[in-house]
Amino acid sequence: MSIAPEQFWQDILPAAQEEDTEFDTAFPAHLEDGRRILLPIRPLSDGKHALASLIINQASFPVQDMLAAALAKKLRPFAPDVVVGLPTLGLTLAAAVARVLGHPRYVPLGTSRKFWYVDELSVPLSSITTPGQGKRLYIDPRMLPLLRGRRVALIDDVISSGTSIVAGLALMATCGIEIVAIGAAMLQSERWRDKLALEASGALKNVQGVLTTPLLVKSGTGRWRAPG
């Protein structure tokens, strides 16, 4: 299926009666009811694998609203009192999810150190889209009273390598905050599971995602397909 680059993430398509098993530039990510969102395929540096990409702040408002509502539904059984968002794109989703859950606000984490922040309330941070940049993840010390003794959901837009989520969990642990659930609009491949199993195994059972997409492999035809 061909689609202009600026048209990705703009529409929720109906369920398909039949669907290709190999793809060129677009991958159909499925919602639980069978509806689909077309995601651009991003080849990795090895030339043999690719990922389907979601950039939530470029999505249409209807798509953002749908993803937030679907994730809030998955998180509601965990009864979170507060939603914490990971930078950068996780903040867009976290704010929307908090609204759907009926919360009056959410708590954003950040990578920009304000002069009143303290280094003791920060951890190193990298991600698949910003590797090796020496960033740190901070929480505003003034936000701690909103979190202590509360049930907290930690939200990112996409969980891929697991590095950002593990950093968020580490920062919350440093602050003595209980994380009861982890949420994302998309769980991208399965690579993040090993990272969490190694560094935060107890969190695995509480991960919730709206979309799941595989690590794509190049087929003999030169197109992309899901493994298996």
C-alpha atoms as a PDB file:
ATOM      1  CA  MET A   1       0.000   0.000   0.000  1.00  0.00           C
ATOM      2  CA  SER A   2       1.359   3.410  -0.976  1.00  0.00           C
ATOM      3  CA  ILE A   3       0.888   6.456   1.227  1.00  0.00           C
ATOM      4  CA  ALA A   4       2.378   9.949   1.243  1.00  0.00           C
ATOM      5  CA  PRO A   5       4.815  10.505   4.142  1.00  0.00           C
ATOM      6  CA  GLU A   6       2.727  13.266   5.704  1.00  0.00           C
ATOM      7  CA  GLN A   7      -0.356  11.031   5.736  1.00  0.00           C
ATOM      8  CA  PHE A   8       0.945   8.434   8.158  1.00  0.00           C
ATOM      9  CA  TRP A   9      -0.808   8.278  11.554  1.00  0.00           C
ATOM     10  CA  GLN A  10      -3.744  10.348  10.299  1.00  0.00           C
ATOM     11  CA  ASP A  11      -6.532   7.793   9.897  1.00  0.00           C
ATOM     12  CA  ILE A  12      -8.021   4.771  11.593  1.00  0.00           C
ATOM     13  CA  LEU A  13      -8.782   2.304   8.827  1.00  0.00           C
ATOM     14  CA  PRO A  14     -11.465  -0.402   8.969  1.00  0.00           C
ATOM     15  CA  ALA A  15     -10.536  -4.039   9.430  1.00  0.00           C
ATOM     16  CA  ALA A  16      -9.372  -5.717   6.236  1.00  0.00           C
ATOM     17  CA  GLN A  17     -10.958  -8.852   4.825  1.00  0.00           C
ATOM     18  CA  GLU A  18      -7.612  -9.920   3.386  1.00  0.00           C
ATOM     19  CA  GLU A  19      -4.192  -8.473   4.023  1.00  0.00           C
ATOM     20  CA  ASP A  20      -0.747  -8.723   2.493  1.00  0.00           C
ATOM     21  CA  THR A  21       1.935 -10.590   4.384  1.00  0.00           C
ATOM     22  CA  GLU A  22       4.760  -8.534   2.860  1.00  0.00           C
ATOM     23  CA  PHE A  23       5.111  -4.770   2.881  1.00  0.00           C
ATOM     24  CA  ASP A  24       7.040  -2.024   1.094  1.00  0.00           C
ATOM     25  CA  THR A  25       6.875   1.247   3.029  1.00  0.00           C
ATOM     26  CA  ALA A  26       3.798   0.916   5.265  1.00  0.00           C
ATOM     27  CA  PHE A  27       2.897  -1.588   7.983  1.00  0.00           C
ATOM     28  CA  PRO A  28      -0.723  -1.975   9.216  1.00  0.00           C
ATOM     29  CA  ALA A  29      -0.757  -2.024  13.018  1.00  0.00           C
ATOM     30  CA  HIS A  30      -3.950  -3.574  14.356  1.00  0.00           C
ATOM     31  CA  LEU A  31      -6.196  -2.455  17.165  1.00  0.00           C
ATOM     32  CA  GLU A  32      -7.947  -5.095  19.225  1.00  0.00           C
ATOM     33  CA  ASP A  33     -11.140  -4.677  17.191  1.00  0.00           C
ATOM     34  CA  GLY A  34      -9.298  -5.256  13.910  1.00  0.00           C
ATOM     35  CA  ARG A  35      -9.114  -1.643  12.780  1.00  0.00           C
ATOM     36  CA  ARG A  36      -5.727  -0.525  11.532  1.00  0.00           C
ATOM     37  CA  ILE A  37      -3.317   2.415  11.599  1.00  0.00           C
ATOM     38  CA  LEU A  38      -0.718   2.579   8.833  1.00  0.00           C
ATOM     39  CA  LEU A  39       2.816   3.108  10.154  1.00  0.00           C
ATOM     40  CA  PRO A  40       5.926   3.942   8.116  1.00  0.00           C
ATOM     41  CA  ILE A  41       8.575   1.236   7.918  1.00  0.00           C
ATOM     42  CA  ARG A  42      12.031   2.368   9.041  1.00  0.00           C
ATOM     43  CA  PRO A  43      14.885   0.096   7.838  1.00  0.00           C
ATOM     44  CA  LEU A  44      17.621  -0.475  10.404  1.00  0.00           C
ATOM     45  CA  SER A  45      21.316  -0.021   9.702  1.00  0.00           C
ATOM     46  CA  ASP A  46      21.908  -3.729   9.074  1.00  0.00           C
ATOM     47  CA  GLY A  47      19.695  -3.581   5.991  1.00  0.00           C
ATOM     48  CA  LYS A  48      18.014  -6.835   7.020  1.00  0.00           C
ATOM     49  CA  HIS A  49      15.551  -5.605   9.629  1.00  0.00           C
ATOM     50  CA  ALA A  50      13.103  -2.748  10.013  1.00  0.00           C
ATOM     51  CA  LEU A  51      10.676  -1.285  12.527  1.00  0.00           C
ATOM     52  CA  ALA A  52       7.226   0.234  12.156  1.00  0.00           C
ATOM     53  CA  SER A  53       7.316   3.781  13.501  1.00  0.00           C
ATOM     54  CA  LEU A  54       4.825   5.852  15.482  1.00  0.00           C
ATOM     55  CA  ILE A  55       5.397   9.548  16.176  1.00  0.00           C
ATOM     56  CA  ILE A  56       2.398  10.419  18.256  1.00  0.00           C
ATOM     57  CA  ASN A  57       2.683  14.206  18.165  1.00  0.00           C
ATOM     58  CA  GLN A  58       2.451  14.027  14.367  1.00  0.00           C
ATOM     59  CA  ALA A  59      -0.702  11.913  14.511  1.00  0.00           C
ATOM     60  CA  SER A  60      -4.114  13.416  13.885  1.00  0.00           C
ATOM     61  CA  PHE A  61      -6.117  14.412  16.947  1.00  0.00           C
ATOM     62  CA  PRO A  62      -8.650  11.601  16.374  1.00  0.00           C
ATOM     63  CA  VAL A  63      -5.814   9.050  16.336  1.00  0.00           C
ATOM     64  CA  GLN A  64      -4.228  10.576  19.455  1.00  0.00           C
ATOM     65  CA  ASP A  65      -7.600  10.582  21.223  1.00  0.00           C
ATOM     66  CA  MET A  66      -8.276   6.972  20.276  1.00  0.00           C
ATOM     67  CA  LEU A  67      -4.859   5.784  21.478  1.00  0.00           C
ATOM     68  CA  ALA A  68      -5.245   7.674  24.761  1.00  0.00           C
ATOM     69  CA  ALA A  69      -8.726   6.273  25.368  1.00  0.00           C
ATOM     70  CA  ALA A  70      -7.624   2.725  24.541  1.00  0.00           C
ATOM     71  CA  LEU A  71      -4.598   2.960  26.837  1.00  0.00           C
ATOM     72  CA  ALA A  72      -6.626   4.502  29.653  1.00  0.00           C
ATOM     73  CA  LYS A  73      -9.040   1.560  29.412  1.00  0.00           C
ATOM     74  CA  LYS A  74      -6.120  -0.861  29.807  1.00  0.00           C
ATOM     75  CA  LEU A  75      -4.676   1.071  32.746  1.00  0.00           C
ATOM     76  CA  ARG A  76      -7.927   1.647  34.622  1.00  0.00           C
ATOM     77  CA  PRO A  77      -7.931  -1.809  36.315  1.00  0.00           C
ATOM     78  CA  PHE A  78      -4.619  -0.843  37.967  1.00  0.00           C
ATOM     79  CA  ALA A  79      -6.387   2.116  39.611  1.00  0.00           C
ATOM     80  CA  PRO A  80      -3.585   4.670  39.125  1.00  0.00           C
ATOM     81  CA  ASP A  81      -3.886   7.851  41.163  1.00  0.00           C
ATOM     82  CA  VAL A  82      -1.313   9.741  39.085  1.00  0.00           C
ATOM     83  CA  VAL A  83       0.118   9.461  35.579  1.00  0.00           C
ATOM     84  CA  VAL A  84       3.814  10.176  34.985  1.00  0.00           C
ATOM     85  CA  GLY A  85       5.006  10.883  31.433  1.00  0.00           C
ATOM     86  CA  LEU A  86       8.420  10.183  29.923  1.00  0.00           C
ATOM     87  CA  PRO A  87       9.987  12.748  27.593  1.00  0.00           C
ATOM     88  CA  THR A  88       9.615  13.663  24.936  1.00  0.00           C
ATOM     89  CA  LEU A  89       6.727  12.109  23.076  1.00  0.00           C
ATOM     90  CA  GLY A  90       5.442  10.217  26.097  1.00  0.00           C
ATOM     91  CA  LEU A  91       4.318  13.560  27.507  1.00  0.00           C
ATOM     92  CA  THR A  92       1.722  14.001  24.762  1.00  0.00           C
ATOM     93  CA  LEU A  93       0.211  10.607  25.512  1.00  0.00           C
ATOM     94  CA  ALA A  94       0.483  10.849  29.295  1.00  0.00           C
ATOM     95  CA  ALA A  95      -1.411  14.131  29.432  1.00  0.00           C
ATOM     96  CA  ALA A  96      -4.197  12.741  27.266  1.00  0.00           C
ATOM     97  CA  VAL A  97      -4.448   9.506  29.268  1.00  0.00           C
ATOM     98  CA  ALA A  98      -4.621  11.444  32.541  1.00  0.00           C
ATOM     99  CA  ARG A  99      -7.542  13.443  31.161  1.00  0.00           C
ATOM    100  CA  VAL A 100      -9.402  10.297  30.104  1.00  0.00           C
ATOM    101  CA  LEU A 101      -8.849   8.799  33.566  1.00  0.00           C
ATOM    102  CA  GLY A 102     -10.385  11.918  35.098  1.00  0.00           C
ATOM    103  CA  HIS A 103      -7.193  13.199  36.692  1.00  0.00           C
ATOM    104  CA  PRO A 104      -6.787  16.967  37.090  1.00  0.00           C
ATOM    105  CA  ARG A 105      -3.099  16.898  36.083  1.00  0.00           C
ATOM    106  CA  TYR A 106      -0.170  14.651  35.305  1.00  0.00           C
ATOM    107  CA  VAL A 107       3.524  14.706  36.212  1.00  0.00           C
ATOM    108  CA  PRO A 108       6.028  15.206  33.369  1.00  0.00           C
ATOM    109  CA  LEU A 109       9.596  14.019  33.622  1.00  0.00           C
ATOM    110  CA  GLY A 110      12.211  15.936  31.653  1.00  0.00           C
ATOM    111  CA  THR A 111      15.700  16.032  30.230  1.00  0.00           C
ATOM    112  CA  SER A 112      16.276  19.747  30.771  1.00  0.00           C
ATOM    113  CA  ARG A 113      17.862  20.533  34.145  1.00  0.00           C
ATOM    114  CA  LYS A 114      16.237  23.555  35.770  1.00  0.00           C
ATOM    115  CA  PHE A 115      18.371  25.392  38.286  1.00  0.00           C
ATOM    116  CA  TRP A 116      16.293  24.166  41.236  1.00  0.00           C
ATOM    117  CA  TYR A 117      16.616  20.490  40.253  1.00  0.00           C
ATOM    118  CA  VAL A 118      19.009  18.207  42.124  1.00  0.00           C
ATOM    119  CA  ASP A 119      21.294  15.675  40.472  1.00  0.00           C
ATOM    120  CA  GLU A 120      20.379  13.067  43.079  1.00  0.00           C
ATOM    121  CA  LEU A 121      16.910  12.977  41.524  1.00  0.00           C
ATOM    122  CA  SER A 122      18.122  12.080  38.032  1.00  0.00           C
ATOM    123  CA  VAL A 123      19.342   9.045  36.087  1.00  0.00           C
ATOM    124  CA  PRO A 124      21.096   8.568  32.713  1.00  0.00           C
ATOM    125  CA  LEU A 125      18.770   8.356  29.706  1.00  0.00           C
ATOM    126  CA  SER A 126      19.035   7.223  26.108  1.00  0.00           C
ATOM    127  CA  SER A 127      16.596   5.729  23.625  1.00  0.00           C
ATOM    128  CA  ILE A 128      16.503   4.089  20.223  1.00  0.00           C
ATOM    129  CA  THR A 129      15.856   7.478  18.599  1.00  0.00           C
ATOM    130  CA  THR A 130      18.426   9.424  20.680  1.00  0.00           C
ATOM    131  CA  PRO A 131      21.262   6.999  21.422  1.00  0.00           C
ATOM    132  CA  GLY A 132      24.422   7.967  23.256  1.00  0.00           C
ATOM    133  CA  GLN A 133      23.632  11.650  23.746  1.00  0.00           C
ATOM    134  CA  GLY A 134      24.554  11.801  27.419  1.00  0.00           C
ATOM    135  CA  LYS A 135      21.122  12.957  28.530  1.00  0.00           C
ATOM    136  CA  ARG A 136      19.765  12.605  32.035  1.00  0.00           C
ATOM    137  CA  LEU A 137      16.186  12.084  33.139  1.00  0.00           C
ATOM    138  CA  TYR A 138      14.979  14.463  35.851  1.00  0.00           C
ATOM    139  CA  ILE A 139      11.969  14.949  38.040  1.00  0.00           C
ATOM    140  CA  ASP A 140      11.045  18.346  39.399  1.00  0.00           C
ATOM    141  CA  PRO A 141      11.497  18.002  43.193  1.00  0.00           C
ATOM    142  CA  ARG A 142       8.331  20.016  43.691  1.00  0.00           C
ATOM    143  CA  MET A 143       6.313  17.206  42.108  1.00  0.00           C
ATOM    144  CA  LEU A 144       7.309  14.556  44.654  1.00  0.00           C
ATOM    145  CA  PRO A 145       4.403  15.263  47.049  1.00  0.00           C
ATOM    146  CA  LEU A 146       2.024  14.402  44.194  1.00  0.00           C
ATOM    147  CA  LEU A 147       3.577  10.937  43.873  1.00  0.00           C
ATOM    148  CA  ARG A 148       4.613   9.689  47.276  1.00  0.00           C
ATOM    149  CA  GLY A 149       2.168   7.219  48.725  1.00  0.00           C
ATOM    150  CA  ARG A 150       0.174   7.177  45.477  1.00  0.00           C
ATOM    151  CA  ARG A 151      -0.407   4.520  42.803  1.00  0.00           C
ATOM    152  CA  VAL A 152       1.520   5.714  39.760  1.00  0.00           C
ATOM    153  CA  ALA A 153       1.316   4.738  36.068  1.00  0.00           C
ATOM    154  CA  LEU A 154       4.434   5.421  33.979  1.00  0.00           C
ATOM    155  CA  ILE A 155       3.723   6.215  30.321  1.00  0.00           C
ATOM    156  CA  ASP A 156       5.820   6.483  27.163  1.00  0.00           C
ATOM    157  CA  ASP A 157       4.669   6.754  23.572  1.00  0.00           C
ATOM    158  CA  VAL A 158       6.570   3.692  22.323  1.00  0.00           C
ATOM    159  CA  ILE A 159       8.462   0.966  24.174  1.00  0.00           C
ATOM    160  CA  SER A 160      11.168  -0.369  21.873  1.00  0.00           C
ATOM    161  CA  SER A 161      14.560  -1.148  23.364  1.00  0.00           C
ATOM    162  CA  GLY A 162      13.224  -0.726  26.911  1.00  0.00           C
ATOM    163  CA  THR A 163      15.975   1.720  27.851  1.00  0.00           C
ATOM    164  CA  SER A 164      13.698   4.718  28.467  1.00  0.00           C
ATOM    165  CA  ILE A 165      11.212   2.738  30.552  1.00  0.00           C
ATOM    166  CA  VAL A 166      13.995   1.224  32.660  1.00  0.00           C
ATOM    167  CA  ALA A 167      15.387   4.729  33.244  1.00  0.00           C
ATOM    168  CA  GLY A 168      11.936   5.930  34.301  1.00  0.00           C
ATOM    169  CA  LEU A 169      11.553   3.016  36.690  1.00  0.00           C
ATOM    170  CA  ALA A 170      15.017   3.674  38.117  1.00  0.00           C
ATOM    171  CA  LEU A 171      14.204   7.336  38.715  1.00  0.00           C
ATOM    172  CA  MET A 172      10.926   6.477  40.392  1.00  0.00           C
ATOM    173  CA  ALA A 173      12.680   3.936  42.605  1.00  0.00           C
ATOM    174  CA  THR A 174      15.231   6.585  43.555  1.00  0.00           C
ATOM    175  CA  CYS A 175      12.319   8.765  44.656  1.00  0.00           C
ATOM    176  CA  GLY A 176      10.612   5.935  46.556  1.00  0.00           C
ATOM    177  CA  ILE A 177       7.643   5.909  44.163  1.00  0.00           C
ATOM    178  CA  GLU A 178       5.551   2.781  43.506  1.00  0.00           C
ATOM    179  CA  ILE A 179       4.820   2.082  39.832  1.00  0.00           C
ATOM    180  CA  VAL A 180       1.688  -0.027  39.496  1.00  0.00           C
ATOM    181  CA  ALA A 181       1.491  -0.022  35.678  1.00  0.00           C
ATOM    182  CA  ILE A 182       3.465   0.890  32.570  1.00  0.00           C
ATOM    183  CA  GLY A 183       1.660   2.046  29.455  1.00  0.00           C
ATOM    184  CA  ALA A 184       2.517   2.835  25.836  1.00  0.00           C
ATOM    185  CA  ALA A 185       0.685   3.528  22.625  1.00  0.00           C
ATOM    186  CA  MET A 186       2.871   0.928  20.912  1.00  0.00           C
ATOM    187  CA  LEU A 187       5.021  -2.006  21.972  1.00  0.00           C
ATOM    188  CA  GLN A 188       7.627  -2.110  19.214  1.00  0.00           C
ATOM    189  CA  SER A 189       9.042  -5.610  18.697  1.00  0.00           C
ATOM    190  CA  GLU A 190       9.951  -7.842  21.660  1.00  0.00           C
ATOM    191  CA  ARG A 191      13.417  -6.493  22.416  1.00  0.00           C
ATOM    192  CA  TRP A 192      12.273  -4.459  25.413  1.00  0.00           C
ATOM    193  CA  ARG A 193      11.205  -7.597  27.260  1.00  0.00           C
ATOM    194  CA  ASP A 194      14.796  -8.754  27.759  1.00  0.00           C
ATOM    195  CA  LYS A 195      15.791  -5.324  29.066  1.00  0.00           C
ATOM    196  CA  LEU A 196      12.986  -5.287  31.611  1.00  0.00           C
ATOM    197  CA  ALA A 197      13.553  -8.926  32.562  1.00  0.00           C
ATOM    198  CA  LEU A 198      17.188  -8.111  33.317  1.00  0.00           C
ATOM    199  CA  GLU A 199      16.768  -4.791  35.104  1.00  0.00           C
ATOM    200  CA  ALA A 200      13.150  -4.596  36.274  1.00  0.00           C
ATOM    201  CA  SER A 201      11.637  -8.060  36.004  1.00  0.00           C
ATOM    202  CA  GLY A 202       8.772  -7.292  38.359  1.00  0.00           C
ATOM    203  CA  ALA A 203       7.460  -4.661  35.956  1.00  0.00           C
ATOM    204  CA  LEU A 204       6.925  -7.039  33.030  1.00  0.00           C
ATOM    205  CA  LYS A 205       3.501  -8.229  34.121  1.00  0.00           C
ATOM    206  CA  ASN A 206       2.205  -4.656  34.359  1.00  0.00           C
ATOM    207  CA  VAL A 207       3.097  -3.467  30.840  1.00  0.00           C
ATOM    208  CA  GLN A 208       0.134  -2.433  28.702  1.00  0.00           C
ATOM    209  CA  GLY A 209       0.172  -1.371  25.042  1.00  0.00           C
ATOM    210  CA  VAL A 210      -2.462  -0.433  22.496  1.00  0.00           C
ATOM    211  CA  LEU A 211      -0.560  -1.492  19.358  1.00  0.00           C
ATOM    212  CA  THR A 212       2.059  -4.218  18.984  1.00  0.00           C
ATOM    213  CA  THR A 213       4.429  -4.361  16.041  1.00  0.00           C
ATOM    214  CA  PRO A 214       7.127  -6.907  15.174  1.00  0.00           C
ATOM    215  CA  LEU A 215      10.761  -6.556  14.194  1.00  0.00           C
ATOM    216  CA  LEU A 216      10.361  -6.870  10.442  1.00  0.00           C
ATOM    217  CA  VAL A 217      12.758  -8.917   8.304  1.00  0.00           C
ATOM    218  CA  LYS A 218      13.605  -8.549   4.615  1.00  0.00           C
ATOM    219  CA  SER A 219      12.171 -11.315   2.482  1.00  0.00           C
ATOM    220  CA  GLY A 220      13.583 -12.878  -0.653  1.00  0.00           C
ATOM    221  CA  THR A 221      11.486 -10.459  -2.692  1.00  0.00           C
ATOM    222  CA  GLY A 222      13.166  -7.440  -1.082  1.00  0.00           C
ATOM    223  CA  ARG A 223       9.991  -6.512   0.777  1.00  0.00           C
ATOM    224  CA  TRP A 224       9.414  -6.588   4.537  1.00  0.00           C
ATOM    225  CA  ARG A 225       7.544  -9.262   6.462  1.00  0.00           C
ATOM    226  CA  ALA A 226       6.860 -10.261  10.031  1.00  0.00           C
ATOM    227  CA  PRO A 227       9.001 -13.210  11.147  1.00  0.00           C
ATOM    228  CA  GLY A 228       7.454 -16.648  11.503  1.00  0.00           C
END
